[in-house]
């Protein structure tokens, strides 16, 4: 990058080359390293763009320390051939300094070496994030994020979408996560909420006649942290389109995401269009609605094999299994897998090894008839050297345990396909699920989704049999996005919420804007919202989402650098009509 020359610099620290030899230059930046060679001192000066080696025959009359900010004047000269640093873009030259000026002294002892910051504990890094971000890897990550977001905007604009902004202060509504609430000074006892997503606003934009909306939208949810989720806030490529079907949304995403992943990713995309996998099939085959398709292992149902069994562990239960080329695993590793299954909810993990002579070996073989052994091998497609791992329980327990075991086995056996992005759509989610804790029917996914079959399906079917036009994008086992064809018909919306236990008065109160808007002619509309943070994390192959966010909170939802959450004054509390309970 060529910058405009001013008092502080004629060039950046990553700009000078051999062609600039003999040029008089001014550079400013941070002192990266200091090397005293007895009468001559070499300093690497660093800025956002790179490093340049400085040569001091005599140090200035102020103390130069690592990470202080200095301005220097000097002349560019070529390095001797044996002194060229091929690791630096500026490695052919150095600047002989004739004048130096302190711009910003480093007055404290560094909590960590900048180049080693990513090896420091996360809380220390976040407390001194302004230092952590000086690390070149971190700077590159944040710049990379900026470039991806610029291209996302470009792609969406070229597809005819218009960027709109939606409010940050809104009303609390039951959308699946805890709200962050903000007290009102002007309206005592009432609160704003930060939006969990622009869900209602983007639907209202469609009702307003705005045909294609997108936004790099901040979302605020009071959720616990995970490696792929920041507590507090995150960003998504939020989009909505009028007069659109599920396939229209798929077509947009299958245009935008491949372009971004092909340009910025480190792997190839397996196939476009992305495979469509119904939710039920995903649970049957993978035990998860976020399957990593790079993993070749699949779950199979062998309940029918054991329909007449006398083995009590399998009798009258759902029996499902995974076949893996795990014959080389020692008994200790199998015992570890058994403990893993039990820790995740199984009563046990049965297993059978197929020997070279096609005979079976394992603790449960003696409880199986020859016919059961033969049918199981056929159903599982097992061959010599394989091990069949079996869980017998309720369908949901089998799904959870075997879904996790599938991943664990893949890792142990190093079966994961490398250097590829495997996208898929998970479609046909159930509209409802049974909430065992509260003993009621509740929404399974997005409550604003259109049920498949519309009002007739809601009136005539068991709620647990109703499917919705809901879909997720999964890539390499990570849920990148959720979306849906929206429910734009007030009568269908009222019935859908009624089944989940909401009255019309509840809808008027909790979703008053949509309730009113749908009375005035709403177009069919659909949308989706891929997570930007997760997308960047996948593209950079980082293991934590906090490596791609400039100023994230820690796992306890604290901003250690700014001291948030923090206390406020009694005066501030009075202004918003809040009185804290006295600590006991």
Protein backbone atom coordinates (compact mmCIF):
# COMPACT_ATOMS: atom_id res chain seq x y z
CA UNK A 1 0.00 0.00 0.00
CA UNK A 2 1.26 3.50 -0.89
CA UNK A 3 0.39 5.96 1.86
CA UNK A 4 0.24 9.74 1.66
CA UNK A 5 3.51 11.19 2.88
CA UNK A 6 3.38 13.28 6.05
CA UNK A 7 5.59 14.22 8.99
CA UNK A 8 5.45 10.71 10.45
CA UNK A 9 6.29 8.66 7.40
CA UNK A 10 7.16 8.71 3.75
CA UNK A 11 6.76 4.94 3.54
CA UNK A 12 5.33 2.06 5.54
CA UNK A 13 7.55 -0.50 7.23
CA UNK A 14 6.59 -3.12 4.66
CA UNK A 15 7.13 -1.06 1.53
CA UNK A 16 10.82 -0.42 0.86
CA UNK A 17 12.71 -2.60 -1.64
CA UNK A 18 16.10 -2.75 -3.37
CA UNK A 19 14.96 -0.14 -5.91
CA UNK A 20 14.65 2.36 -3.04
CA UNK A 21 18.40 2.23 -2.20
CA UNK A 22 19.84 5.70 -1.39
CA UNK A 23 16.37 7.13 -0.81
CA UNK A 24 15.87 9.44 2.19
CA UNK A 25 12.89 8.12 4.17
CA UNK A 26 10.86 8.70 7.32
CA UNK A 27 9.37 5.66 9.10
CA UNK A 28 7.24 5.34 12.22
CA UNK A 29 6.22 2.25 14.11
CA UNK A 30 6.72 -0.07 17.05
CA UNK A 31 10.11 -1.41 18.10
CA UNK A 32 9.85 -5.15 17.46
CA UNK A 33 13.34 -6.38 18.30
CA UNK A 34 16.61 -4.81 19.48
CA UNK A 35 20.01 -6.39 18.74
CA UNK A 36 23.20 -4.82 20.10
CA UNK A 37 26.23 -5.78 18.02
CA UNK A 38 28.80 -3.77 19.95
CA UNK A 39 28.79 -0.23 18.67
CA UNK A 40 26.04 -0.86 16.12
CA UNK A 41 22.45 -1.52 17.11
CA UNK A 42 19.92 -3.16 14.82
CA UNK A 43 16.22 -2.57 15.44
CA UNK A 44 13.33 -4.10 13.56
CA UNK A 45 10.63 -1.44 13.25
CA UNK A 46 7.10 -2.81 12.79
CA UNK A 47 3.84 -1.29 11.65
CA UNK A 48 0.61 -2.72 10.26
CA UNK A 49 2.24 -3.38 6.88
CA UNK A 50 5.48 -5.11 7.80
CA UNK A 51 8.98 -4.72 9.26
CA UNK A 52 12.08 -2.77 8.27
CA UNK A 53 15.53 -3.21 9.79
CA UNK A 54 17.02 0.01 11.19
CA UNK A 55 20.73 0.54 11.78
CA UNK A 56 21.88 2.85 14.59
CA UNK A 57 25.59 3.70 14.78
CA UNK A 58 24.71 5.72 17.87
CA UNK A 59 21.53 5.38 19.92
CA UNK A 60 19.48 8.53 20.68
CA UNK A 61 19.50 10.19 24.09
CA UNK A 62 16.23 8.51 25.10
CA UNK A 63 15.71 4.89 26.07
CA UNK A 64 14.41 2.66 23.32
CA UNK A 65 12.57 -0.43 24.54
CA UNK A 66 10.54 -3.10 22.83
CA UNK A 67 7.02 -1.95 21.82
CA UNK A 68 7.73 1.74 22.20
CA UNK A 69 6.68 3.87 19.21
CA UNK A 70 9.38 5.85 17.43
CA UNK A 71 9.85 8.02 14.35
CA UNK A 72 13.12 7.79 12.43
CA UNK A 73 14.75 9.57 9.52
CA UNK A 74 17.43 7.87 7.49
CA UNK A 75 18.75 6.54 4.18
CA UNK A 76 17.92 3.23 2.56
CA UNK A 77 20.89 1.01 1.73
CA UNK A 78 21.26 -2.48 0.29
CA UNK A 79 22.29 -5.27 2.62
CA UNK A 80 25.28 -7.42 1.84
CA UNK A 81 24.28 -10.65 0.07
CA UNK A 82 25.02 -12.81 3.10
CA UNK A 83 22.88 -10.52 5.28
CA UNK A 84 19.73 -10.57 3.14
CA UNK A 85 16.72 -11.79 5.13
CA UNK A 86 14.58 -13.82 2.74
CA UNK A 87 11.85 -14.15 5.36
CA UNK A 88 11.06 -10.41 5.15
CA UNK A 89 9.62 -8.62 2.12
CA UNK A 90 12.00 -5.76 3.03
CA UNK A 91 14.88 -8.16 3.65
CA UNK A 92 17.13 -6.81 0.88
CA UNK A 93 17.46 -3.37 2.46
CA UNK A 94 17.96 -1.58 5.77
CA UNK A 95 17.62 2.04 6.86
CA UNK A 96 20.64 3.81 8.35
CA UNK A 97 19.13 6.15 10.94
CA UNK A 98 20.36 9.71 11.32
CA UNK A 99 17.57 11.02 13.56
CA UNK A 100 15.07 9.40 15.94
CA UNK A 101 12.14 10.68 17.99
CA UNK A 102 10.12 9.01 20.73
CA UNK A 103 6.39 9.09 19.90
CA UNK A 104 5.02 6.74 22.53
CA UNK A 105 7.10 5.20 25.31
CA UNK A 106 6.36 1.65 26.50
CA UNK A 107 6.17 2.42 30.19
CA UNK A 108 5.28 -1.00 31.56
CA UNK A 109 6.74 -4.49 31.48
CA UNK A 110 5.08 -6.48 28.70
CA UNK A 111 2.72 -9.20 30.03
CA UNK A 112 3.86 -11.41 27.15
CA UNK A 113 6.05 -11.34 24.08
CA UNK A 114 3.98 -10.07 21.15
CA UNK A 115 5.23 -12.80 18.81
CA UNK A 116 4.30 -15.43 21.42
CA UNK A 117 0.94 -13.98 22.48
CA UNK A 118 -1.11 -16.90 21.15
CA UNK A 119 0.72 -19.24 23.54
CA UNK A 120 -0.39 -17.11 26.52
CA UNK A 121 -3.48 -17.92 28.60
CA UNK A 122 -6.65 -16.64 26.97
CA UNK A 123 -7.71 -14.42 29.87
CA UNK A 124 -4.34 -12.63 29.86
CA UNK A 125 -4.58 -12.19 26.09
CA UNK A 126 -8.07 -10.73 26.38
CA UNK A 127 -7.08 -8.41 29.23
CA UNK A 128 -4.31 -7.01 27.02
CA UNK A 129 -6.10 -7.50 23.73
CA UNK A 130 -4.57 -4.31 22.31
CA UNK A 131 -1.18 -6.05 22.65
CA UNK A 132 -2.45 -9.43 21.47
CA UNK A 133 -3.74 -7.77 18.31
CA UNK A 134 -0.22 -6.55 17.52
CA UNK A 135 0.67 -10.19 16.81
CA UNK A 136 0.88 -10.58 13.03
CA UNK A 137 -1.34 -13.68 12.98
CA UNK A 138 -4.06 -11.81 14.89
CA UNK A 139 -3.72 -8.73 12.67
CA UNK A 140 -3.98 -10.93 9.59
CA UNK A 141 -7.07 -12.66 11.02
CA UNK A 142 -8.91 -9.39 11.61
CA UNK A 143 -7.93 -7.97 8.21
CA UNK A 144 -9.00 -11.26 6.62
CA UNK A 145 -12.37 -10.90 8.36
CA UNK A 146 -12.76 -7.41 6.91
CA UNK A 147 -12.02 -8.63 3.39
CA UNK A 148 -14.51 -11.50 3.63
CA UNK A 149 -17.24 -9.15 4.87
CA UNK A 150 -16.50 -6.72 2.02
CA UNK A 151 -16.91 -9.56 -0.48
CA UNK A 152 -20.10 -10.79 1.19
CA UNK A 153 -21.55 -7.31 0.73
CA UNK A 154 -20.39 -7.25 -2.89
CA UNK A 155 -21.90 -10.66 -3.66
CA UNK A 156 -25.24 -9.83 -2.08
CA UNK A 157 -25.45 -6.46 -3.83
CA UNK A 158 -24.70 -8.03 -7.19
CA UNK A 159 -27.57 -10.48 -6.61
CA UNK A 160 -29.99 -7.56 -6.21
CA UNK A 161 -30.11 -7.37 -2.42
CA UNK A 162 -30.18 -4.00 -0.64
CA UNK A 163 -28.44 -3.45 2.69
CA UNK A 164 -30.70 -2.06 5.41
CA UNK A 165 -30.04 -1.40 9.09
CA UNK A 166 -32.44 -2.58 11.77
CA UNK A 167 -32.79 -1.28 15.36
CA UNK A 168 -30.54 -2.32 18.23
CA UNK A 169 -32.97 -1.26 20.95
CA UNK A 170 -36.17 -3.25 20.58
CA UNK A 171 -38.67 -5.22 22.66
CA UNK A 172 -38.08 -8.49 24.48
CA UNK A 173 -39.67 -11.49 22.81
CA UNK A 174 -39.47 -15.27 23.31
CA UNK A 175 -37.10 -16.29 20.50
CA UNK A 176 -35.20 -19.16 22.08
CA UNK A 177 -32.40 -17.53 24.10
CA UNK A 178 -32.15 -15.15 27.05
CA UNK A 179 -32.39 -11.47 26.14
CA UNK A 180 -30.07 -8.70 27.20
CA UNK A 181 -32.43 -6.10 28.62
CA UNK A 182 -31.97 -2.33 28.91
CA UNK A 183 -34.01 -0.28 31.39
CA UNK A 184 -35.88 2.78 30.12
CA UNK A 185 -35.30 6.16 31.78
CA UNK A 186 -38.41 7.75 30.26
CA UNK A 187 -40.75 4.84 30.95
CA UNK A 188 -40.33 3.62 34.55
CA UNK A 189 -40.51 -0.15 34.98
CA UNK A 190 -40.21 -0.86 31.24
CA UNK A 191 -37.28 -2.31 29.34
CA UNK A 192 -35.80 -2.50 25.89
CA UNK A 193 -34.04 -5.64 24.70
CA UNK A 194 -31.09 -6.06 22.40
CA UNK A 195 -32.19 -8.12 19.36
CA UNK A 196 -31.37 -11.83 19.39
CA UNK A 197 -31.60 -11.45 15.60
CA UNK A 198 -33.33 -9.00 13.24
CA UNK A 199 -35.98 -11.70 12.66
CA UNK A 200 -39.13 -9.62 13.06
CA UNK A 201 -37.63 -6.51 11.49
CA UNK A 202 -36.55 -8.28 8.32
CA UNK A 203 -40.00 -9.82 7.97
CA UNK A 204 -41.53 -6.39 8.46
CA UNK A 205 -39.27 -5.04 5.71
CA UNK A 206 -40.80 -7.64 3.39
CA UNK A 207 -44.29 -6.54 4.43
CA UNK A 208 -43.12 -2.97 3.73
CA UNK A 209 -42.40 -3.91 0.12
CA UNK A 210 -38.60 -4.06 0.32
CA UNK A 211 -37.97 -6.99 -1.98
CA UNK A 212 -34.48 -8.26 -1.09
CA UNK A 213 -32.82 -7.34 2.20
CA UNK A 214 -29.42 -8.14 3.69
CA UNK A 215 -27.35 -6.89 6.58
CA UNK A 216 -24.14 -7.81 8.40
CA UNK A 217 -26.25 -7.91 11.53
CA UNK A 218 -25.16 -7.93 15.17
CA UNK A 219 -27.13 -10.37 17.32
CA UNK A 220 -27.21 -10.36 21.11
CA UNK A 221 -27.91 -13.48 23.16
CA UNK A 222 -27.18 -14.16 26.80
CA UNK A 223 -25.80 -17.64 26.12
CA UNK A 224 -22.88 -19.65 27.43
CA UNK A 225 -19.69 -19.61 25.40
CA UNK A 226 -18.49 -22.44 23.17
CA UNK A 227 -15.50 -22.79 20.87
CA UNK A 228 -17.72 -21.80 17.92
CA UNK A 229 -19.92 -19.27 19.71
CA UNK A 230 -19.09 -16.03 21.48
CA UNK A 231 -21.17 -15.05 24.48
CA UNK A 232 -22.85 -11.68 24.22
CA UNK A 233 -22.81 -10.78 20.56
CA UNK A 234 -22.08 -12.27 17.18
CA UNK A 235 -22.60 -11.30 13.54
CA UNK A 236 -24.51 -12.93 10.74
CA UNK A 237 -25.15 -12.36 7.05
CA UNK A 238 -28.85 -11.76 7.54
CA UNK A 239 -31.00 -11.96 4.40
CA UNK A 240 -34.66 -12.11 3.43
CA UNK A 241 -36.45 -12.14 0.08
CA UNK A 242 -40.09 -11.67 -0.94
CA UNK A 243 -42.06 -13.97 -3.23
CA UNK A 244 -39.46 -16.66 -2.62
CA UNK A 245 -39.48 -20.39 -2.03
CA UNK A 246 -37.03 -22.56 -0.16
CA UNK A 247 -35.23 -23.30 -3.43
CA UNK A 248 -34.77 -19.58 -4.12
CA UNK A 249 -32.93 -19.17 -0.82
CA UNK A 250 -30.83 -22.25 -1.60
CA UNK A 251 -29.88 -20.79 -5.00
CA UNK A 252 -28.62 -17.55 -3.39
CA UNK A 253 -26.55 -19.35 -0.77
CA UNK A 254 -25.19 -21.83 -3.31
CA UNK A 255 -23.95 -18.82 -5.29
CA UNK A 256 -22.53 -16.68 -2.47
CA UNK A 257 -20.92 -19.27 -0.19
CA UNK A 258 -18.99 -21.20 -2.87
CA UNK A 259 -17.54 -17.95 -4.19
CA UNK A 260 -16.39 -16.93 -0.70
CA UNK A 261 -15.03 -20.35 0.24
CA UNK A 262 -13.30 -20.80 -3.12
CA UNK A 263 -11.63 -17.38 -2.85
CA UNK A 264 -10.64 -17.46 0.82
CA UNK A 265 -10.70 -21.10 1.87
CA UNK A 266 -7.78 -23.51 2.14
CA UNK A 267 -9.72 -26.51 0.79
CA UNK A 268 -11.90 -27.40 -2.18
CA UNK A 269 -15.71 -27.56 -2.13
CA UNK A 270 -16.96 -31.11 -2.61
CA UNK A 271 -20.08 -30.34 -4.64
CA UNK A 272 -22.56 -27.65 -5.62
CA UNK A 273 -25.57 -27.69 -5.34
CA UNK A 274 -25.21 -28.85 -1.76
CA UNK A 275 -26.80 -32.23 -0.93
CA UNK A 276 -30.27 -32.03 0.70
CA UNK A 277 -30.68 -34.34 3.69
CA UNK A 278 -34.03 -34.53 5.52
CA UNK A 279 -33.75 -34.11 9.30
CA UNK A 280 -35.04 -37.64 10.00
CA UNK A 281 -32.51 -39.15 7.59
CA UNK A 282 -29.70 -37.15 9.19
CA UNK A 283 -30.61 -38.44 12.63
CA UNK A 284 -30.90 -41.99 11.29
CA UNK A 285 -27.56 -41.97 9.44
CA UNK A 286 -25.43 -39.66 11.55
CA UNK A 287 -27.16 -39.25 14.93
CA UNK A 288 -26.95 -35.49 14.47
CA UNK A 289 -28.56 -32.67 12.51
CA UNK A 290 -25.03 -31.23 12.06
CA UNK A 291 -23.30 -34.13 10.29
CA UNK A 292 -19.69 -33.90 9.22
CA UNK A 293 -19.85 -35.57 5.80
CA UNK A 294 -16.06 -35.92 5.68
CA UNK A 295 -16.56 -38.74 8.19
CA UNK A 296 -17.37 -41.94 6.23
CA UNK A 297 -18.95 -43.78 9.18
CA UNK A 298 -22.74 -44.10 9.31
CA UNK A 299 -25.27 -45.41 11.80
CA UNK A 300 -27.59 -48.24 10.81
CA UNK A 301 -30.74 -49.59 12.41
CA UNK A 302 -30.52 -53.29 13.30
CA UNK A 303 -33.61 -53.45 15.51
CA UNK A 304 -35.24 -55.86 13.06
CA UNK A 305 -32.25 -58.21 13.33
CA UNK A 306 -32.96 -58.66 17.04
CA UNK A 307 -36.77 -58.60 16.95
CA UNK A 308 -36.94 -62.13 18.44
CA UNK A 309 -33.83 -61.93 20.63
CA UNK A 310 -33.71 -63.38 24.13
CA UNK A 311 -30.76 -61.12 25.00
CA UNK A 312 -32.25 -58.82 27.64
CA UNK A 313 -29.94 -55.89 26.81
CA UNK A 314 -31.46 -55.77 23.29
CA UNK A 315 -34.97 -57.05 23.95
CA UNK A 316 -37.80 -54.58 23.15
CA UNK A 317 -35.36 -51.76 22.46
CA UNK A 318 -34.22 -49.72 19.47
CA UNK A 319 -30.90 -51.27 18.41
CA UNK A 320 -28.55 -49.18 16.26
CA UNK A 321 -24.91 -49.61 15.36
CA UNK A 322 -21.79 -48.30 13.62
CA UNK A 323 -19.43 -50.48 11.62
CA UNK A 324 -15.83 -49.24 11.54
CA UNK A 325 -12.50 -50.59 10.23
CA UNK A 326 -11.34 -50.79 13.81
CA UNK A 327 -9.94 -54.33 13.98
CA UNK A 328 -6.52 -53.03 14.94
CA UNK A 329 -7.84 -51.24 18.03
CA UNK A 330 -6.53 -52.79 21.25
CA UNK A 331 -8.95 -53.86 23.96
CA UNK A 332 -7.91 -50.84 26.03
CA UNK A 333 -9.11 -48.48 23.27
CA UNK A 334 -12.42 -50.34 23.03
CA UNK A 335 -12.86 -50.00 26.80
CA UNK A 336 -12.22 -46.26 26.44
CA UNK A 337 -14.95 -46.06 23.79
CA UNK A 338 -17.30 -47.93 26.11
CA UNK A 339 -16.62 -45.46 28.93
CA UNK A 340 -17.13 -42.61 26.44
CA UNK A 341 -20.55 -44.01 25.47
CA UNK A 342 -21.62 -44.44 29.09
CA UNK A 343 -20.47 -40.92 29.99
CA UNK A 344 -22.72 -39.61 27.21
CA UNK A 345 -25.87 -41.42 28.31
CA UNK A 346 -25.62 -45.05 27.15
CA UNK A 347 -26.21 -47.93 29.55
CA UNK A 348 -23.37 -49.70 27.81
CA UNK A 349 -21.65 -50.25 24.47
CA UNK A 350 -21.77 -53.70 22.89
CA UNK A 351 -19.23 -54.65 20.24
CA UNK A 352 -18.45 -57.47 17.87
CA UNK A 353 -15.24 -58.00 15.89
CA UNK A 354 -15.30 -59.76 12.51
CA UNK A 355 -12.33 -62.13 12.33
CA UNK A 356 -10.35 -63.01 9.21
CA UNK A 357 -12.32 -66.25 8.85
CA UNK A 358 -15.59 -64.23 9.11
CA UNK A 359 -16.29 -65.65 12.56
CA UNK A 360 -17.36 -63.20 15.26
CA UNK A 361 -15.59 -62.36 18.48
CA UNK A 362 -16.89 -60.29 21.37
CA UNK A 363 -18.62 -60.42 24.76
CA UNK A 364 -22.15 -60.56 23.28
CA UNK A 365 -21.58 -63.17 20.56
CA UNK A 366 -22.68 -66.00 22.88
CA UNK A 367 -26.10 -64.32 23.21
CA UNK A 368 -26.68 -64.18 19.43
CA UNK A 369 -28.08 -66.89 17.21
CA UNK A 370 -26.31 -67.79 13.97
CA UNK A 371 -29.16 -66.20 12.04
CA UNK A 372 -28.80 -62.93 14.02
CA UNK A 373 -25.05 -62.93 13.42
CA UNK A 374 -25.50 -63.45 9.68
CA UNK A 375 -28.26 -60.80 9.36
CA UNK A 376 -26.27 -58.26 11.39
CA UNK A 377 -23.20 -58.65 9.18
CA UNK A 378 -25.34 -58.29 6.04
CA UNK A 379 -27.24 -55.25 7.36
CA UNK A 380 -24.09 -53.49 8.50
CA UNK A 381 -22.10 -54.37 5.38
CA UNK A 382 -19.33 -55.59 7.69
CA UNK A 383 -16.17 -57.30 6.46
CA UNK A 384 -13.08 -58.91 7.95
CA UNK A 385 -11.24 -56.58 10.32
CA UNK A 386 -14.30 -54.48 11.15
CA UNK A 387 -15.82 -53.90 14.56
CA UNK A 388 -19.55 -53.28 14.98
CA UNK A 389 -20.37 -51.00 17.93
CA UNK A 390 -23.97 -51.35 19.18
CA UNK A 391 -26.24 -49.27 21.42
CA UNK A 392 -29.69 -50.46 22.50
CA UNK A 393 -32.00 -47.89 24.10
CA UNK A 394 -34.59 -45.29 23.12
CA UNK A 395 -34.17 -43.81 19.63
CA UNK A 396 -33.08 -40.44 21.03
CA UNK A 397 -30.43 -41.98 23.30
CA UNK A 398 -29.08 -44.12 20.44
CA UNK A 399 -28.90 -41.02 18.23
CA UNK A 400 -27.02 -38.92 20.75
CA UNK A 401 -24.55 -41.61 21.80
CA UNK A 402 -23.82 -43.02 18.37
CA UNK A 403 -23.60 -39.52 16.86
CA UNK A 404 -20.84 -38.66 19.32
CA UNK A 405 -19.23 -42.10 19.00
CA UNK A 406 -19.14 -41.68 15.21
CA UNK A 407 -16.96 -38.59 15.65
CA UNK A 408 -14.80 -40.21 18.32
CA UNK A 409 -14.17 -43.28 16.16
CA UNK A 410 -13.37 -41.16 13.12
CA UNK A 411 -10.76 -39.26 15.11
CA UNK A 412 -9.24 -42.40 16.64
CA UNK A 413 -9.00 -44.14 13.28
CA UNK A 414 -7.97 -41.00 11.34
CA UNK A 415 -10.75 -41.50 8.78
CA UNK A 416 -11.64 -37.84 8.20
CA UNK A 417 -11.36 -36.77 4.57
CA UNK A 418 -8.81 -33.96 4.30
CA UNK A 419 -8.71 -30.69 2.34
CA UNK A 420 -12.38 -30.49 1.46
CA UNK A 421 -15.45 -28.48 2.46
CA UNK A 422 -18.51 -30.72 2.54
CA UNK A 423 -21.65 -28.62 2.64
CA UNK A 424 -25.17 -29.95 3.00
CA UNK A 425 -28.67 -28.70 3.65
CA UNK A 426 -30.64 -30.26 6.48
CA UNK A 427 -34.29 -29.88 5.49
CA UNK A 428 -37.78 -30.92 6.64
CA UNK A 429 -37.31 -30.19 10.32
CA UNK A 430 -40.21 -31.09 12.60
CA UNK A 431 -42.40 -28.07 13.31
CA UNK A 432 -42.80 -29.16 16.94
CA UNK A 433 -41.17 -31.28 19.58
CA UNK A 434 -42.32 -32.55 22.96
CA UNK A 435 -40.83 -30.67 25.90
CA UNK A 436 -40.57 -33.44 28.51
CA UNK A 437 -39.49 -31.06 31.28
CA UNK A 438 -42.60 -28.88 30.92
CA UNK A 439 -44.78 -31.68 29.52
CA UNK A 440 -45.97 -29.67 26.54
CA UNK A 441 -45.67 -29.30 22.78
CA UNK A 442 -43.18 -26.59 21.80
CA UNK A 443 -41.58 -25.27 18.64
CA UNK A 444 -38.65 -27.35 17.43
CA UNK A 445 -36.93 -24.64 15.43
CA UNK A 446 -38.04 -21.16 14.36
CA UNK A 447 -41.58 -20.29 15.54
CA UNK A 448 -42.08 -17.99 12.52
CA UNK A 449 -41.68 -20.85 10.01
CA UNK A 450 -44.34 -21.97 7.57
CA UNK A 451 -45.63 -25.48 8.28
CA UNK A 452 -45.60 -27.84 5.33
CA UNK A 453 -49.23 -28.30 4.36
CA UNK A 454 -50.25 -24.97 5.88
CA UNK A 455 -53.38 -24.64 8.00
CA UNK A 456 -54.74 -28.01 6.88
CA UNK A 457 -51.72 -29.82 8.28
CA UNK A 458 -52.00 -27.98 11.60
CA UNK A 459 -55.71 -28.86 11.86
CA UNK A 460 -55.54 -32.49 10.77
CA UNK A 461 -52.15 -33.91 11.78
CA UNK A 462 -50.55 -34.89 15.06
CA UNK A 463 -48.37 -31.82 15.80
CA UNK A 464 -45.30 -34.04 16.14
CA UNK A 465 -45.84 -35.25 12.55
CA UNK A 466 -45.98 -31.75 11.05
CA UNK A 467 -42.88 -30.75 9.13
CA UNK A 468 -41.77 -27.17 8.53
CA UNK A 469 -40.07 -25.33 5.71
CA UNK A 470 -36.97 -24.95 7.84
CA UNK A 471 -33.41 -25.60 6.80
CA UNK A 472 -29.84 -25.43 8.08
CA UNK A 473 -26.57 -25.13 6.19
CA UNK A 474 -23.92 -27.46 7.60
CA UNK A 475 -20.27 -27.48 6.56
CA UNK A 476 -17.79 -29.99 7.97
CA UNK A 477 -19.98 -30.62 11.01
CA UNK A 478 -20.50 -26.94 11.83
CA UNK A 479 -23.94 -25.34 11.67
CA UNK A 480 -23.25 -22.29 9.55
CA UNK A 481 -26.80 -21.07 9.28
CA UNK A 482 -30.49 -21.58 9.97
CA UNK A 483 -33.34 -20.32 7.87
CA UNK A 484 -36.95 -20.85 6.90
CA UNK A 485 -39.80 -20.01 4.64
CA UNK A 486 -41.74 -17.64 6.89
CA UNK A 487 -45.28 -17.93 8.04
CA UNK A 488 -46.91 -14.86 6.44
CA UNK A 489 -50.55 -15.85 6.99
CA UNK A 490 -52.09 -14.62 10.24
CA UNK A 491 -54.59 -17.49 10.55
CA UNK A 492 -51.80 -20.06 10.14
CA UNK A 493 -49.61 -18.17 12.58
CA UNK A 494 -52.31 -18.07 15.24
CA UNK A 495 -52.96 -21.81 14.89
CA UNK A 496 -49.25 -22.62 14.94
CA UNK A 497 -48.74 -20.71 18.18
CA UNK A 498 -51.97 -22.08 19.66
CA UNK A 499 -50.59 -25.62 19.35
CA UNK A 500 -47.50 -24.48 21.28
CA UNK A 501 -49.70 -23.06 24.05
CA UNK A 502 -49.93 -19.39 23.05
CA UNK A 503 -53.22 -17.52 22.92
CA UNK A 504 -54.09 -14.84 20.38
CA UNK A 505 -53.66 -12.32 23.17
CA UNK A 506 -50.12 -13.67 23.73
CA UNK A 507 -49.35 -13.08 20.04
CA UNK A 508 -50.75 -9.56 20.18
CA UNK A 509 -48.57 -8.82 23.20
CA UNK A 510 -45.33 -10.61 22.31
CA UNK A 511 -45.32 -10.14 18.52
CA UNK A 512 -47.58 -7.15 18.10
CA UNK A 513 -45.79 -5.72 15.06
CA UNK A 514 -46.06 -8.91 13.01
CA UNK A 515 -49.60 -9.52 14.23
CA UNK A 516 -50.66 -6.09 13.00
CA UNK A 517 -48.59 -6.14 9.81
CA UNK A 518 -50.00 -9.45 8.61
CA UNK A 519 -53.47 -7.90 8.62
CA UNK A 520 -52.43 -5.55 5.82
CA UNK A 521 -51.25 -7.93 3.13
CA UNK A 522 -47.97 -9.78 3.61
CA UNK A 523 -46.05 -11.37 0.73
CA UNK A 524 -44.68 -14.91 0.95
CA UNK A 525 -41.09 -14.54 2.06
CA UNK A 526 -38.11 -16.61 3.10
CA UNK A 527 -34.63 -16.06 4.45
CA UNK A 528 -31.52 -17.32 6.16
CA UNK A 529 -28.62 -15.93 8.20
CA UNK A 530 -25.16 -17.55 7.92
CA UNK A 531 -22.91 -16.80 10.88
CA UNK A 532 -20.06 -14.51 9.85
CA UNK A 533 -17.84 -15.36 12.84
CA UNK A 534 -18.15 -19.09 12.23
CA UNK A 535 -17.54 -18.62 8.53
CA UNK A 536 -14.27 -16.77 9.23
CA UNK A 537 -13.24 -19.39 11.81
CA UNK A 538 -13.77 -22.18 9.25
CA UNK A 539 -11.92 -20.35 6.49
CA UNK A 540 -8.94 -19.65 8.75
CA UNK A 541 -9.12 -23.13 10.32
CA UNK A 542 -9.02 -21.60 13.80
CA UNK A 543 -10.24 -23.74 16.70
CA UNK A 544 -11.79 -20.87 18.67
CA UNK A 545 -14.10 -18.16 17.40
CA UNK A 546 -12.32 -15.67 19.67
CA UNK A 547 -9.32 -15.81 17.32
CA UNK A 548 -11.34 -14.08 14.57
CA UNK A 549 -13.11 -11.39 16.63
CA UNK A 550 -11.24 -8.20 17.51
CA UNK A 551 -12.62 -7.71 21.02
CA UNK A 552 -14.45 -10.84 22.22
CA UNK A 553 -15.62 -11.65 25.72
CA UNK A 554 -14.12 -14.57 27.58
CA UNK A 555 -15.91 -17.83 28.37
CA UNK A 556 -17.62 -16.20 31.37
CA UNK A 557 -19.05 -13.36 29.24
CA UNK A 558 -16.56 -10.84 30.63
CA UNK A 559 -14.66 -8.16 28.74
CA UNK A 560 -11.48 -8.26 30.80
CA UNK A 561 -9.94 -5.35 28.90
CA UNK A 562 -12.83 -2.91 29.45
CA UNK A 563 -13.99 -4.39 32.77
CA UNK A 564 -17.47 -5.34 31.61
CA UNK A 565 -19.85 -6.12 33.11
CA UNK A 566 -19.11 -3.43 35.64
CA UNK A 567 -20.84 -1.56 38.41
CA UNK A 568 -22.72 1.70 37.86
CA UNK A 569 -23.42 4.57 40.21
CA UNK A 570 -26.45 4.91 42.41
CA UNK A 571 -27.38 8.00 40.39
CA UNK A 572 -27.40 5.98 37.16
CA UNK A 573 -29.61 3.36 38.77
CA UNK A 574 -32.06 5.98 40.03
CA UNK A 575 -32.30 7.52 36.56
CA UNK A 576 -33.55 4.21 35.15
CA UNK A 577 -35.74 3.48 38.19
CA UNK A 578 -33.79 0.47 39.45
CA UNK A 579 -33.05 -0.37 43.04
CA UNK A 580 -30.63 -3.18 43.84
CA UNK A 581 -31.45 -5.59 46.62
CA UNK A 582 -29.11 -5.22 49.56
CA UNK A 583 -26.49 -7.95 49.62
CA UNK A 584 -27.02 -10.33 52.51
